[in-house]
Amino acid sequence: MAQPAEINPCFNLLHAVRKLHFDSEIEIPKD
């Protein structure tokens, strides 16, 4: 099951943005 990156580039972009946001949230402590 390959990723639908070629078929759905928008989905790939959303996934990348979500990953970046997740990494940012992890890096910055929410205290």
PDB file of N, CA and C in Angstrom:
ATOM      1  N   MET A   1       0.848  -1.197   0.000  1.00  0.00           N
ATOM      2  CA  MET A   1       0.000   0.000   0.000  1.00  0.00           C
ATOM      3  C   MET A   1       0.883   1.246   0.000  1.00  0.00           C
ATOM      4  N   ALA A   2       1.090   1.812  -1.165  1.00  0.00           N
ATOM      5  CA  ALA A   2       1.929   3.011  -1.268  1.00  0.00           C
ATOM      6  C   ALA A   2       1.147   4.245  -0.830  1.00  0.00           C
ATOM      7  N   GLN A   3       1.891   5.249  -0.431  1.00  0.00           N
ATOM      8  CA  GLN A   3       1.238   6.483   0.019  1.00  0.00           C
ATOM      9  C   GLN A   3       0.646   7.228  -1.182  1.00  0.00           C
ATOM     10  N   PRO A   4      -0.561   7.761  -1.039  1.00  0.00           N
ATOM     11  CA  PRO A   4      -1.195   8.511  -2.139  1.00  0.00           C
ATOM     12  C   PRO A   4      -0.618   9.909  -2.285  1.00  0.00           C
ATOM     13  N   ALA A   5       0.707   9.989  -2.290  1.00  0.00           N
ATOM     14  CA  ALA A   5       1.353  11.303  -2.397  1.00  0.00           C
ATOM     15  C   ALA A   5       1.205  11.846  -3.819  1.00  0.00           C
ATOM     16  N   GLU A   6       1.413  10.971  -4.806  1.00  0.00           N
ATOM     17  CA  GLU A   6       1.311  11.419  -6.198  1.00  0.00           C
ATOM     18  C   GLU A   6      -0.140  11.716  -6.564  1.00  0.00           C
ATOM     19  N   ILE A   7      -1.049  10.933  -6.017  1.00  0.00           N
ATOM     20  CA  ILE A   7      -2.467  11.138  -6.332  1.00  0.00           C
ATOM     21  C   ILE A   7      -3.027  12.309  -5.526  1.00  0.00           C
ATOM     22  N   ASN A   8      -2.604  12.418  -4.286  1.00  0.00           N
ATOM     23  CA  ASN A   8      -3.116  13.488  -3.424  1.00  0.00           C
ATOM     24  C   ASN A   8      -1.960  14.257  -2.802  1.00  0.00           C
ATOM     25  N   PRO A   9      -1.375  15.205  -3.541  1.00  0.00           N
ATOM     26  CA  PRO A   9      -0.251  15.985  -3.008  1.00  0.00           C
ATOM     27  C   PRO A   9      -0.688  16.851  -1.828  1.00  0.00           C
ATOM     28  N   CYS A  10      -1.959  17.255  -1.845  1.00  0.00           N
ATOM     29  CA  CYS A  10      -2.467  18.096  -0.750  1.00  0.00           C
ATOM     30  C   CYS A  10      -2.431  17.304   0.559  1.00  0.00           C
ATOM     31  N   PHE A  11      -2.768  16.025   0.479  1.00  0.00           N
ATOM     32  CA  PHE A  11      -2.760  15.177   1.672  1.00  0.00           C
ATOM     33  C   PHE A  11      -1.345  15.086   2.228  1.00  0.00           C
ATOM     34  N   ASN A  12      -0.373  14.915   1.332  1.00  0.00           N
ATOM     35  CA  ASN A  12       1.029  14.835   1.750  1.00  0.00           C
ATOM     36  C   ASN A  12       1.439  16.126   2.442  1.00  0.00           C
ATOM     37  N   LEU A  13       1.021  17.257   1.881  1.00  0.00           N
ATOM     38  CA  LEU A  13       1.365  18.563   2.462  1.00  0.00           C
ATOM     39  C   LEU A  13       0.747  18.691   3.854  1.00  0.00           C
ATOM     40  N   LEU A  14      -0.513  18.315   3.971  1.00  0.00           N
ATOM     41  CA  LEU A  14      -1.189  18.393   5.272  1.00  0.00           C
ATOM     42  C   LEU A  14      -0.466  17.525   6.290  1.00  0.00           C
ATOM     43  N   HIS A  15      -0.070  16.330   5.874  1.00  0.00           N
ATOM     44  CA  HIS A  15       0.643  15.420   6.769  1.00  0.00           C
ATOM     45  C   HIS A  15       1.961  16.040   7.222  1.00  0.00           C
ATOM     46  N   ALA A  16       2.669  16.668   6.289  1.00  0.00           N
ATOM     47  CA  ALA A  16       3.954  17.303   6.622  1.00  0.00           C
ATOM     48  C   ALA A  16       3.728  18.442   7.614  1.00  0.00           C
ATOM     49  N   VAL A  17       2.702  19.245   7.366  1.00  0.00           N
ATOM     50  CA  VAL A  17       2.410  20.371   8.266  1.00  0.00           C
ATOM     51  C   VAL A  17       2.050  19.855   9.651  1.00  0.00           C
ATOM     52  N   ARG A  18       1.251  18.803   9.692  1.00  0.00           N
ATOM     53  CA  ARG A  18       0.851  18.233  10.986  1.00  0.00           C
ATOM     54  C   ARG A  18       2.067  17.708  11.730  1.00  0.00           C
ATOM     55  N   LYS A  19       2.967  17.061  11.004  1.00  0.00           N
ATOM     56  CA  LYS A  19       4.179  16.518  11.629  1.00  0.00           C
ATOM     57  C   LYS A  19       5.025  17.663  12.183  1.00  0.00           C
ATOM     58  N   LEU A  20       5.150  18.731  11.397  1.00  0.00           N
ATOM     59  CA  LEU A  20       5.940  19.883  11.849  1.00  0.00           C
ATOM     60  C   LEU A  20       5.313  20.479  13.101  1.00  0.00           C
ATOM     61  N   HIS A  21       4.010  20.623  13.096  1.00  0.00           N
ATOM     62  CA  HIS A  21       3.310  21.190  14.253  1.00  0.00           C
ATOM     63  C   HIS A  21       3.500  20.288  15.471  1.00  0.00           C
ATOM     64  N   PHE A  22       3.413  18.982  15.243  1.00  0.00           N
ATOM     65  CA  PHE A  22       3.580  18.022  16.338  1.00  0.00           C
ATOM     66  C   PHE A  22       4.981  18.130  16.923  1.00  0.00           C
ATOM     67  N   ASP A  23       5.981  18.182  16.046  1.00  0.00           N
ATOM     68  CA  ASP A  23       7.371  18.306  16.505  1.00  0.00           C
ATOM     69  C   ASP A  23       7.551  19.607  17.284  1.00  0.00           C
ATOM     70  N   SER A  24       6.935  20.673  16.791  1.00  0.00           N
ATOM     71  CA  SER A  24       7.062  21.973  17.452  1.00  0.00           C
ATOM     72  C   SER A  24       6.426  21.904  18.839  1.00  0.00           C
ATOM     73  N   GLU A  25       5.269  21.258  18.924  1.00  0.00           N
ATOM     74  CA  GLU A  25       4.583  21.149  20.214  1.00  0.00           C
ATOM     75  C   GLU A  25       5.423  20.341  21.190  1.00  0.00           C
ATOM     76  N   ILE A  26       6.101  19.310  20.674  1.00  0.00           N
ATOM     77  CA  ILE A  26       6.925  18.466  21.547  1.00  0.00           C
ATOM     78  C   ILE A  26       8.162  19.240  22.001  1.00  0.00           C
ATOM     79  N   GLU A  27       8.744  20.010  21.072  1.00  0.00           N
ATOM     80  CA  GLU A  27       9.959  20.771  21.418  1.00  0.00           C
ATOM     81  C   GLU A  27       9.640  21.831  22.468  1.00  0.00           C
ATOM     82  N   ILE A  28       8.536  22.541  22.269  1.00  0.00           N
ATOM     83  CA  ILE A  28       8.164  23.601  23.210  1.00  0.00           C
ATOM     84  C   ILE A  28       7.291  23.005  24.320  1.00  0.00           C
ATOM     85  N   PRO A  29       7.798  22.990  25.545  1.00  0.00           N
ATOM     86  CA  PRO A  29       7.017  22.446  26.668  1.00  0.00           C
ATOM     87  C   PRO A  29       5.818  23.322  27.000  1.00  0.00           C
ATOM     88  N   LYS A  30       4.679  22.680  27.222  1.00  0.00           N
ATOM     89  CA  LYS A  30       3.451  23.439  27.540  1.00  0.00           C
ATOM     90  C   LYS A  30       3.258  23.444  29.047  1.00  0.00           C
ATOM     91  N   ASP A  31       4.009  24.273  29.716  1.00  0.00           N
ATOM     92  CA  ASP A  31       3.910  24.310  31.167  1.00  0.00           C
ATOM     93  C   ASP A  31       3.105  25.538  31.590  1.00  0.00           C
TER      94      ASP A  31
END
